[in-house]
Amino acid sequence: MKLNERSVAHYATCDSPADHTGFLRKRVERHHHHGTSYQRRWFVLKGNLLFYFEERESREPMGLVVLEGCTVELCEAAEEFAFAIRFDDAGARAYVLVADGQAAMEAWVKALSRASFDYMRLVVRELEKQLEEACKSLAACRKSPRRSSSSGRKRHLSNPALQPLQEKPTTLENGYSTWSSGGCVAGGATCPDYDGGQTKPPPLPPRRRSAASSATGSPAPGLSPAMLESPVPPETICFSKLHNWYGQEIAVLRREWQERQKRGHP
């Protein structure tokens, strides 16, 4: 792989955010002395490129490691907190690095393991799979009926006792307000009750005896026997008819009183 040294050096020192930075000791093989030594370097990780500088304030990197086709693993070395970057190619150079402590070593191994495009490709693939499963699950939920809510509503509507009372404006019949908000029809029709049966009509008031009636209970003048019997069936609940029937007796008494007033009798 050929890299433009000037572009790489600029990218290493530009203001773009780094993924991880810190001091590490880099192992150096000394072939002519048949020994190893460690050099303290400042490392900067940007994407899949690992730069190392001689000092933290250095403006040009001393070297570069492209983190592709490699593995990051702990290694046995004379130095504690050592780990290695090893490549899959046979004969490729391995980079042995030593951190200052356990926490620093774990942080570097974690950051370097996630730096390659191969790892990012796996992550993207896994996220796409999760997104596809979530979309399928959402589509299935939208297609399936809401059984719990619909069944609960059906049970609620099927039980008349749970139905809310509907406040309807008072209806008028022949100028008088009716007792039932559901409205009644002529001919003794009844209105349904909330319990599923038929409502009972309000109790009829006790029949008053006319002041003009005799002690024997004979009807007062002007009142026919048919008027003493209610024309409204007992099961009716239409208040207007009850009002008109009981008003007949009052109307007769009022006419008698007016006639006495005209004759001069109190």
C-alpha atoms as a PDB file:
ATOM      1  CA  MET A   1       0.000   0.000   0.000  1.00  0.00           C
ATOM      2  CA  LYS A   2       1.401   3.376  -0.997  1.00  0.00           C
ATOM      3  CA  LEU A   3       0.648   6.360   1.208  1.00  0.00           C
ATOM      4  CA  ASN A   4       1.300  10.012   0.616  1.00  0.00           C
ATOM      5  CA  GLU A   5       3.652  10.913   3.442  1.00  0.00           C
ATOM      6  CA  ARG A   6       2.671  14.581   3.435  1.00  0.00           C
ATOM      7  CA  SER A   7      -1.054  13.851   3.578  1.00  0.00           C
ATOM      8  CA  VAL A   8      -0.555  11.245   6.277  1.00  0.00           C
ATOM      9  CA  ALA A   9       1.593  13.583   8.358  1.00  0.00           C
ATOM     10  CA  HIS A  10      -1.000  16.344   8.050  1.00  0.00           C
ATOM     11  CA  TYR A  11      -3.803  14.000   9.097  1.00  0.00           C
ATOM     12  CA  ALA A  12      -1.763  12.862  12.107  1.00  0.00           C
ATOM     13  CA  THR A  13      -1.286  16.400  13.446  1.00  0.00           C
ATOM     14  CA  CYS A  14      -4.487  18.115  12.289  1.00  0.00           C
ATOM     15  CA  ASP A  15      -7.312  19.149  14.614  1.00  0.00           C
ATOM     16  CA  SER A  16      -9.485  16.137  13.795  1.00  0.00           C
ATOM     17  CA  PRO A  17     -10.497  14.306  17.000  1.00  0.00           C
ATOM     18  CA  ALA A  18      -8.460  11.255  17.961  1.00  0.00           C
ATOM     19  CA  ASP A  19     -10.077   7.999  19.075  1.00  0.00           C
ATOM     20  CA  HIS A  20      -7.419   7.293  21.674  1.00  0.00           C
ATOM     21  CA  THR A  21      -4.115   8.796  22.792  1.00  0.00           C
ATOM     22  CA  GLY A  22      -1.453   8.044  25.377  1.00  0.00           C
ATOM     23  CA  PHE A  23       2.107   6.995  26.096  1.00  0.00           C
ATOM     24  CA  LEU A  24       3.181   3.430  25.369  1.00  0.00           C
ATOM     25  CA  ARG A  25       6.506   1.714  25.394  1.00  0.00           C
ATOM     26  CA  LYS A  26       7.330   0.162  22.069  1.00  0.00           C
ATOM     27  CA  ARG A  27       9.597  -2.837  21.895  1.00  0.00           C
ATOM     28  CA  VAL A  28      12.583  -2.513  19.573  1.00  0.00           C
ATOM     29  CA  GLU A  29      14.485  -5.527  18.344  1.00  0.00           C
ATOM     30  CA  ARG A  30      18.229  -5.057  18.311  1.00  0.00           C
ATOM     31  CA  HIS A  31      19.518  -7.799  16.048  1.00  0.00           C
ATOM     32  CA  HIS A  32      23.183  -6.946  16.272  1.00  0.00           C
ATOM     33  CA  HIS A  33      23.060  -6.933  20.061  1.00  0.00           C
ATOM     34  CA  HIS A  34      20.675  -9.916  20.190  1.00  0.00           C
ATOM     35  CA  GLY A  35      18.499  -8.149  22.726  1.00  0.00           C
ATOM     36  CA  THR A  36      15.378  -6.070  23.094  1.00  0.00           C
ATOM     37  CA  SER A  37      14.695  -2.632  24.440  1.00  0.00           C
ATOM     38  CA  TYR A  38      11.650  -0.427  24.898  1.00  0.00           C
ATOM     39  CA  GLN A  39      11.210   3.135  23.745  1.00  0.00           C
ATOM     40  CA  ARG A  40       8.610   5.439  25.219  1.00  0.00           C
ATOM     41  CA  ARG A  41       6.497   6.979  22.466  1.00  0.00           C
ATOM     42  CA  TRP A  42       3.345   9.102  22.181  1.00  0.00           C
ATOM     43  CA  PHE A  43       0.631   7.162  20.320  1.00  0.00           C
ATOM     44  CA  VAL A  44      -2.367   8.652  18.536  1.00  0.00           C
ATOM     45  CA  LEU A  45      -5.194   6.494  17.150  1.00  0.00           C
ATOM     46  CA  LYS A  46      -7.347   7.994  14.378  1.00  0.00           C
ATOM     47  CA  GLY A  47      -9.705   5.632  12.644  1.00  0.00           C
ATOM     48  CA  ASN A  48      -7.696   2.606  11.564  1.00  0.00           C
ATOM     49  CA  LEU A  49      -4.374   4.474  11.630  1.00  0.00           C
ATOM     50  CA  LEU A  50      -2.084   4.280  14.673  1.00  0.00           C
ATOM     51  CA  PHE A  51       0.570   7.013  14.703  1.00  0.00           C
ATOM     52  CA  TYR A  52       3.449   7.225  17.134  1.00  0.00           C
ATOM     53  CA  PHE A  53       5.578  10.281  17.854  1.00  0.00           C
ATOM     54  CA  GLU A  54       8.843  10.765  19.658  1.00  0.00           C
ATOM     55  CA  GLU A  55       7.280  13.280  22.033  1.00  0.00           C
ATOM     56  CA  ARG A  56       3.775  14.512  22.704  1.00  0.00           C
ATOM     57  CA  GLU A  57       4.608  17.908  21.183  1.00  0.00           C
ATOM     58  CA  SER A  58       6.216  16.481  18.040  1.00  0.00           C
ATOM     59  CA  ARG A  59       4.802  17.742  14.757  1.00  0.00           C
ATOM     60  CA  GLU A  60       5.718  14.807  12.588  1.00  0.00           C
ATOM     61  CA  PRO A  61       5.038  11.128  13.326  1.00  0.00           C
ATOM     62  CA  MET A  62       7.916   8.662  13.511  1.00  0.00           C
ATOM     63  CA  GLY A  63       5.850   5.806  12.210  1.00  0.00           C
ATOM     64  CA  LEU A  64       2.435   4.500  11.269  1.00  0.00           C
ATOM     65  CA  VAL A  65       0.601   1.199  11.758  1.00  0.00           C
ATOM     66  CA  VAL A  66      -2.394   0.447   9.514  1.00  0.00           C
ATOM     67  CA  LEU A  67      -4.779  -1.623  11.625  1.00  0.00           C
ATOM     68  CA  GLU A  68      -6.229  -3.875   8.917  1.00  0.00           C
ATOM     69  CA  GLY A  69      -5.954  -7.652   8.820  1.00  0.00           C
ATOM     70  CA  CYS A  70      -4.538  -7.789  12.319  1.00  0.00           C
ATOM     71  CA  THR A  71      -5.452  -8.953  15.808  1.00  0.00           C
ATOM     72  CA  VAL A  72      -4.738  -7.331  19.152  1.00  0.00           C
ATOM     73  CA  GLU A  73      -3.958  -9.733  21.967  1.00  0.00           C
ATOM     74  CA  LEU A  74      -2.188  -9.934  25.271  1.00  0.00           C
ATOM     75  CA  CYS A  75       1.257 -11.423  25.150  1.00  0.00           C
ATOM     76  CA  GLU A  76       3.768 -12.897  27.557  1.00  0.00           C
ATOM     77  CA  ALA A  77       6.758 -10.627  27.886  1.00  0.00           C
ATOM     78  CA  ALA A  78       9.279  -9.615  30.434  1.00  0.00           C
ATOM     79  CA  GLU A  79       7.428  -6.352  30.876  1.00  0.00           C
ATOM     80  CA  GLU A  80       4.082  -6.253  32.647  1.00  0.00           C
ATOM     81  CA  PHE A  81       0.931  -4.913  30.897  1.00  0.00           C
ATOM     82  CA  ALA A  82       2.232  -5.897  27.454  1.00  0.00           C
ATOM     83  CA  PHE A  83       0.082  -6.574  24.391  1.00  0.00           C
ATOM     84  CA  ALA A  84       0.846  -7.177  20.728  1.00  0.00           C
ATOM     85  CA  ILE A  85      -0.515  -6.227  17.323  1.00  0.00           C
ATOM     86  CA  ARG A  86      -0.095  -9.230  15.040  1.00  0.00           C
ATOM     87  CA  PHE A  87      -0.904  -9.428  11.324  1.00  0.00           C
ATOM     88  CA  ASP A  88      -2.299 -12.400   9.422  1.00  0.00           C
ATOM     89  CA  ASP A  89       0.381 -12.331   6.733  1.00  0.00           C
ATOM     90  CA  ALA A  90       3.236 -14.751   7.280  1.00  0.00           C
ATOM     91  CA  GLY A  91       6.443 -12.999   8.148  1.00  0.00           C
ATOM     92  CA  ALA A  92       4.693  -9.707   8.959  1.00  0.00           C
ATOM     93  CA  ARG A  93       6.109  -7.660  11.775  1.00  0.00           C
ATOM     94  CA  ALA A  94       4.438  -7.787  15.176  1.00  0.00           C
ATOM     95  CA  TYR A  95       4.257  -4.688  17.349  1.00  0.00           C
ATOM     96  CA  VAL A  96       4.707  -5.315  21.051  1.00  0.00           C
ATOM     97  CA  LEU A  97       3.556  -2.462  23.249  1.00  0.00           C
ATOM     98  CA  VAL A  98       3.596  -1.953  27.005  1.00  0.00           C
ATOM     99  CA  ALA A  99       1.129   0.232  28.909  1.00  0.00           C
ATOM    100  CA  ASP A 100       1.711   1.981  32.211  1.00  0.00           C
ATOM    101  CA  GLY A 101      -0.990   0.034  34.042  1.00  0.00           C
ATOM    102  CA  GLN A 102      -3.827  -2.474  33.838  1.00  0.00           C
ATOM    103  CA  ALA A 103      -6.519   0.091  33.070  1.00  0.00           C
ATOM    104  CA  ALA A 104      -4.456   1.736  30.339  1.00  0.00           C
ATOM    105  CA  MET A 105      -3.662  -1.633  28.772  1.00  0.00           C
ATOM    106  CA  GLU A 106      -7.341  -2.671  28.682  1.00  0.00           C
ATOM    107  CA  ALA A 107      -8.366   0.676  27.190  1.00  0.00           C
ATOM    108  CA  TRP A 108      -5.754   0.411  24.425  1.00  0.00           C
ATOM    109  CA  VAL A 109      -6.633  -3.187  23.568  1.00  0.00           C
ATOM    110  CA  LYS A 110     -10.325  -2.289  23.383  1.00  0.00           C
ATOM    111  CA  ALA A 111      -9.732   0.780  21.195  1.00  0.00           C
ATOM    112  CA  LEU A 112      -7.332  -0.967  18.814  1.00  0.00           C
ATOM    113  CA  SER A 113      -9.621  -3.996  18.432  1.00  0.00           C
ATOM    114  CA  ARG A 114     -12.433  -1.742  17.248  1.00  0.00           C
ATOM    115  CA  ALA A 115     -10.368   0.397  14.898  1.00  0.00           C
ATOM    116  CA  SER A 116     -10.374  -1.735  11.758  1.00  0.00           C
ATOM    117  CA  PHE A 117     -12.900  -1.449   8.957  1.00  0.00           C
ATOM    118  CA  ASP A 118     -13.537  -5.179   9.253  1.00  0.00           C
ATOM    119  CA  TYR A 119     -14.845  -4.649  12.781  1.00  0.00           C
ATOM    120  CA  MET A 120     -16.941  -1.662  11.706  1.00  0.00           C
ATOM    121  CA  ARG A 121     -18.349  -3.692   8.835  1.00  0.00           C
ATOM    122  CA  LEU A 122     -19.450  -6.410  11.280  1.00  0.00           C
ATOM    123  CA  VAL A 123     -21.032  -3.824  13.550  1.00  0.00           C
ATOM    124  CA  VAL A 124     -22.933  -2.224  10.672  1.00  0.00           C
ATOM    125  CA  ARG A 125     -24.122  -5.633   9.504  1.00  0.00           C
ATOM    126  CA  GLU A 126     -25.378  -6.494  12.975  1.00  0.00           C
ATOM    127  CA  LEU A 127     -27.146  -3.148  13.313  1.00  0.00           C
ATOM    128  CA  GLU A 128     -28.818  -3.607   9.934  1.00  0.00           C
ATOM    129  CA  LYS A 129     -30.038  -7.027  11.036  1.00  0.00           C
ATOM    130  CA  GLN A 130     -31.470  -5.622  14.262  1.00  0.00           C
ATOM    131  CA  LEU A 131     -33.144  -2.802  12.345  1.00  0.00           C
ATOM    132  CA  GLU A 132     -34.726  -5.259   9.914  1.00  0.00           C
ATOM    133  CA  GLU A 133     -36.063  -7.394  12.762  1.00  0.00           C
ATOM    134  CA  ALA A 134     -37.438  -4.326  14.513  1.00  0.00           C
ATOM    135  CA  CYS A 135     -39.210  -3.194  11.329  1.00  0.00           C
ATOM    136  CA  LYS A 136     -40.752  -6.638  10.857  1.00  0.00           C
ATOM    137  CA  SER A 137     -41.927  -6.707  14.458  1.00  0.00           C
ATOM    138  CA  LEU A 138     -43.447  -3.244  14.134  1.00  0.00           C
ATOM    139  CA  ALA A 139     -45.231  -4.194  10.923  1.00  0.00           C
ATOM    140  CA  ALA A 140     -46.634  -7.335  12.567  1.00  0.00           C
ATOM    141  CA  CYS A 141     -47.916  -5.316  15.511  1.00  0.00           C
ATOM    142  CA  ARG A 142     -49.683  -2.880  13.203  1.00  0.00           C
ATOM    143  CA  LYS A 143     -51.367  -5.660  11.232  1.00  0.00           C
ATOM    144  CA  SER A 144     -52.520  -7.693  14.239  1.00  0.00           C
ATOM    145  CA  PRO A 145     -55.788  -6.478  15.825  1.00  0.00           C
ATOM    146  CA  ARG A 146     -55.728  -5.163  19.314  1.00  0.00           C
ATOM    147  CA  ARG A 147     -57.564  -8.048  20.899  1.00  0.00           C
ATOM    148  CA  SER A 148     -57.183  -6.976  24.469  1.00  0.00           C
ATOM    149  CA  SER A 149     -58.522  -3.458  24.024  1.00  0.00           C
ATOM    150  CA  SER A 150     -61.313  -4.406  21.610  1.00  0.00           C
ATOM    151  CA  SER A 151     -62.505  -7.354  23.662  1.00  0.00           C
ATOM    152  CA  GLY A 152     -62.478  -5.246  26.798  1.00  0.00           C
ATOM    153  CA  ARG A 153     -64.556  -2.608  25.076  1.00  0.00           C
ATOM    154  CA  LYS A 154     -67.027  -5.200  23.800  1.00  0.00           C
ATOM    155  CA  ARG A 155     -67.459  -6.587  27.301  1.00  0.00           C
ATOM    156  CA  HIS A 156     -68.009  -3.097  28.601  1.00  0.00           C
ATOM    157  CA  LEU A 157     -70.642  -2.294  25.989  1.00  0.00           C
ATOM    158  CA  SER A 158     -72.380  -5.636  26.408  1.00  0.00           C
ATOM    159  CA  ASN A 159     -72.986  -4.953  30.101  1.00  0.00           C
ATOM    160  CA  PRO A 160     -75.696  -2.276  30.273  1.00  0.00           C
ATOM    161  CA  ALA A 161     -74.896  -1.635  33.933  1.00  0.00           C
ATOM    162  CA  LEU A 162     -71.454  -0.313  32.938  1.00  0.00           C
ATOM    163  CA  GLN A 163     -72.765   2.002  30.261  1.00  0.00           C
ATOM    164  CA  PRO A 164     -72.661   5.676  31.197  1.00  0.00           C
ATOM    165  CA  LEU A 165     -75.946   7.475  31.557  1.00  0.00           C
ATOM    166  CA  GLN A 166     -76.598   9.622  28.539  1.00  0.00           C
ATOM    167  CA  GLU A 167     -77.685  13.076  29.487  1.00  0.00           C
ATOM    168  CA  LYS A 168     -80.271  14.100  26.925  1.00  0.00           C
ATOM    169  CA  PRO A 169     -82.195  17.350  26.932  1.00  0.00           C
ATOM    170  CA  THR A 170     -85.670  17.074  28.357  1.00  0.00           C
ATOM    171  CA  THR A 171     -88.140  16.386  25.591  1.00  0.00           C
ATOM    172  CA  LEU A 172     -91.516  18.032  25.410  1.00  0.00           C
ATOM    173  CA  GLU A 173     -94.820  16.424  24.596  1.00  0.00           C
ATOM    174  CA  ASN A 174     -97.848  18.669  24.018  1.00  0.00           C
ATOM    175  CA  GLY A 175     -96.071  21.499  25.814  1.00  0.00           C
ATOM    176  CA  TYR A 176     -95.265  19.443  28.925  1.00  0.00           C
ATOM    177  CA  SER A 177     -91.990  17.826  29.885  1.00  0.00           C
ATOM    178  CA  THR A 178     -92.055  14.051  29.894  1.00  0.00           C
ATOM    179  CA  TRP A 179     -90.737  11.946  32.765  1.00  0.00           C
ATOM    180  CA  SER A 180     -88.574   9.720  30.547  1.00  0.00           C
ATOM    181  CA  SER A 181     -85.525  11.122  28.708  1.00  0.00           C
ATOM    182  CA  GLY A 182     -85.882   8.369  26.145  1.00  0.00           C
ATOM    183  CA  GLY A 183     -89.320   9.640  25.073  1.00  0.00           C
ATOM    184  CA  CYS A 184     -92.582   7.718  25.120  1.00  0.00           C
ATOM    185  CA  VAL A 185     -95.093   7.013  22.481  1.00  0.00           C
ATOM    186  CA  ALA A 186     -98.840   6.976  22.714  1.00  0.00           C
ATOM    187  CA  GLY A 187    -100.684   3.841  23.456  1.00  0.00           C
ATOM    188  CA  GLY A 188     -98.912   2.916  26.672  1.00  0.00           C
ATOM    189  CA  ALA A 189     -95.516   2.142  25.144  1.00  0.00           C
ATOM    190  CA  THR A 190     -92.822   1.629  27.712  1.00  0.00           C
ATOM    191  CA  CYS A 191     -89.177   2.648  27.710  1.00  0.00           C
ATOM    192  CA  PRO A 192     -86.295   0.226  28.235  1.00  0.00           C
ATOM    193  CA  ASP A 193     -84.475   0.176  31.549  1.00  0.00           C
ATOM    194  CA  TYR A 194     -80.683   0.097  31.983  1.00  0.00           C
ATOM    195  CA  ASP A 195     -80.985  -3.343  33.498  1.00  0.00           C
ATOM    196  CA  GLY A 196     -82.242  -4.756  30.219  1.00  0.00           C
ATOM    197  CA  GLY A 197     -85.886  -4.973  31.435  1.00  0.00           C
ATOM    198  CA  GLN A 198     -88.690  -2.468  31.609  1.00  0.00           C
ATOM    199  CA  THR A 199     -88.715   0.447  33.984  1.00  0.00           C
ATOM    200  CA  LYS A 200     -91.482   0.722  36.505  1.00  0.00           C
ATOM    201  CA  PRO A 201     -93.618   3.840  36.271  1.00  0.00           C
ATOM    202  CA  PRO A 202     -93.464   6.329  39.126  1.00  0.00           C
ATOM    203  CA  PRO A 203     -95.984   5.618  41.877  1.00  0.00           C
ATOM    204  CA  LEU A 204     -99.301   7.233  41.285  1.00  0.00           C
ATOM    205  CA  PRO A 205    -100.263   9.891  43.855  1.00  0.00           C
ATOM    206  CA  PRO A 206    -103.191   9.019  46.108  1.00  0.00           C
ATOM    207  CA  ARG A 207    -106.541   9.995  44.645  1.00  0.00           C
ATOM    208  CA  ARG A 208    -107.831  13.070  46.372  1.00  0.00           C
ATOM    209  CA  ARG A 209    -111.517  13.369  47.212  1.00  0.00           C
ATOM    210  CA  SER A 210    -113.138  16.427  45.801  1.00  0.00           C
ATOM    211  CA  ALA A 211    -114.360  19.014  48.270  1.00  0.00           C
ATOM    212  CA  ALA A 212    -117.684  19.026  46.442  1.00  0.00           C
ATOM    213  CA  SER A 213    -118.105  15.265  46.694  1.00  0.00           C
ATOM    214  CA  SER A 214    -120.542  13.831  49.169  1.00  0.00           C
ATOM    215  CA  ALA A 215    -119.679  11.825  52.249  1.00  0.00           C
ATOM    216  CA  THR A 216    -120.732   8.706  50.501  1.00  0.00           C
ATOM    217  CA  GLY A 217    -118.008   9.173  47.939  1.00  0.00           C
ATOM    218  CA  SER A 218    -120.310  10.207  45.120  1.00  0.00           C
ATOM    219  CA  PRO A 219    -118.614  12.184  42.408  1.00  0.00           C
ATOM    220  CA  ALA A 220    -118.798  15.927  42.473  1.00  0.00           C
ATOM    221  CA  PRO A 221    -120.966  17.706  39.981  1.00  0.00           C
ATOM    222  CA  GLY A 222    -119.257  18.171  36.682  1.00  0.00           C
ATOM    223  CA  LEU A 223    -117.096  15.061  37.070  1.00  0.00           C
ATOM    224  CA  SER A 224    -118.142  12.070  35.070  1.00  0.00           C
ATOM    225  CA  PRO A 225    -117.435   8.569  36.406  1.00  0.00           C
ATOM    226  CA  ALA A 226    -115.120   7.999  33.449  1.00  0.00           C
ATOM    227  CA  MET A 227    -113.027  10.915  34.590  1.00  0.00           C
ATOM    228  CA  LEU A 228    -112.447   9.276  37.972  1.00  0.00           C
ATOM    229  CA  GLU A 229    -110.724   6.389  36.304  1.00  0.00           C
ATOM    230  CA  SER A 230    -107.308   7.115  34.898  1.00  0.00           C
ATOM    231  CA  PRO A 231    -107.252   6.810  31.093  1.00  0.00           C
ATOM    232  CA  VAL A 232    -103.555   6.092  31.329  1.00  0.00           C
ATOM    233  CA  PRO A 233    -102.558   2.476  31.849  1.00  0.00           C
ATOM    234  CA  PRO A 234    -100.718   1.855  35.146  1.00  0.00           C
ATOM    235  CA  GLU A 235     -97.558   0.778  33.282  1.00  0.00           C
ATOM    236  CA  THR A 236     -97.219   4.044  31.416  1.00  0.00           C
ATOM    237  CA  ILE A 237     -94.481   6.512  32.320  1.00  0.00           C
ATOM    238  CA  CYS A 238     -95.694   9.505  30.291  1.00  0.00           C
ATOM    239  CA  PHE A 239     -96.042  12.323  32.783  1.00  0.00           C
ATOM    240  CA  SER A 240     -97.942  14.597  30.412  1.00  0.00           C
ATOM    241  CA  LYS A 241    -100.939  12.237  30.293  1.00  0.00           C
ATOM    242  CA  LEU A 242    -100.961  11.875  34.079  1.00  0.00           C
ATOM    243  CA  HIS A 243    -100.764  15.645  34.366  1.00  0.00           C
ATOM    244  CA  ASN A 244    -103.708  16.164  32.027  1.00  0.00           C
ATOM    245  CA  TRP A 245    -105.872  13.538  33.792  1.00  0.00           C
ATOM    246  CA  TYR A 246    -105.331  14.862  37.315  1.00  0.00           C
ATOM    247  CA  GLY A 247    -105.802  18.389  36.027  1.00  0.00           C
ATOM    248  CA  GLN A 248    -109.413  17.633  35.031  1.00  0.00           C
ATOM    249  CA  GLU A 249    -110.572  17.530  38.663  1.00  0.00           C
ATOM    250  CA  ILE A 250    -108.803  20.782  39.409  1.00  0.00           C
ATOM    251  CA  ALA A 251    -110.347  22.404  36.375  1.00  0.00           C
ATOM    252  CA  VAL A 252    -113.874  21.355  37.522  1.00  0.00           C
ATOM    253  CA  LEU A 253    -113.296  22.691  41.033  1.00  0.00           C
ATOM    254  CA  ARG A 254    -111.989  25.961  39.606  1.00  0.00           C
ATOM    255  CA  ARG A 255    -115.125  26.417  37.444  1.00  0.00           C
ATOM    256  CA  GLU A 256    -117.394  25.744  40.449  1.00  0.00           C
ATOM    257  CA  TRP A 257    -115.494  28.306  42.505  1.00  0.00           C
ATOM    258  CA  GLN A 258    -115.796  30.892  39.738  1.00  0.00           C
ATOM    259  CA  GLU A 259    -119.564  30.280  39.479  1.00  0.00           C
ATOM    260  CA  ARG A 260    -120.003  30.760  43.233  1.00  0.00           C
ATOM    261  CA  GLN A 261    -118.027  33.984  43.049  1.00  0.00           C
ATOM    262  CA  LYS A 262    -120.372  35.247  40.349  1.00  0.00           C
ATOM    263  CA  ARG A 263    -123.478  34.353  42.421  1.00  0.00           C
ATOM    264  CA  GLY A 264    -121.993  36.151  45.393  1.00  0.00           C
ATOM    265  CA  HIS A 265    -121.430  33.108  47.517  1.00  0.00           C
ATOM    266  CA  PRO A 266    -118.049  32.691  49.189  1.00  0.00           C
END
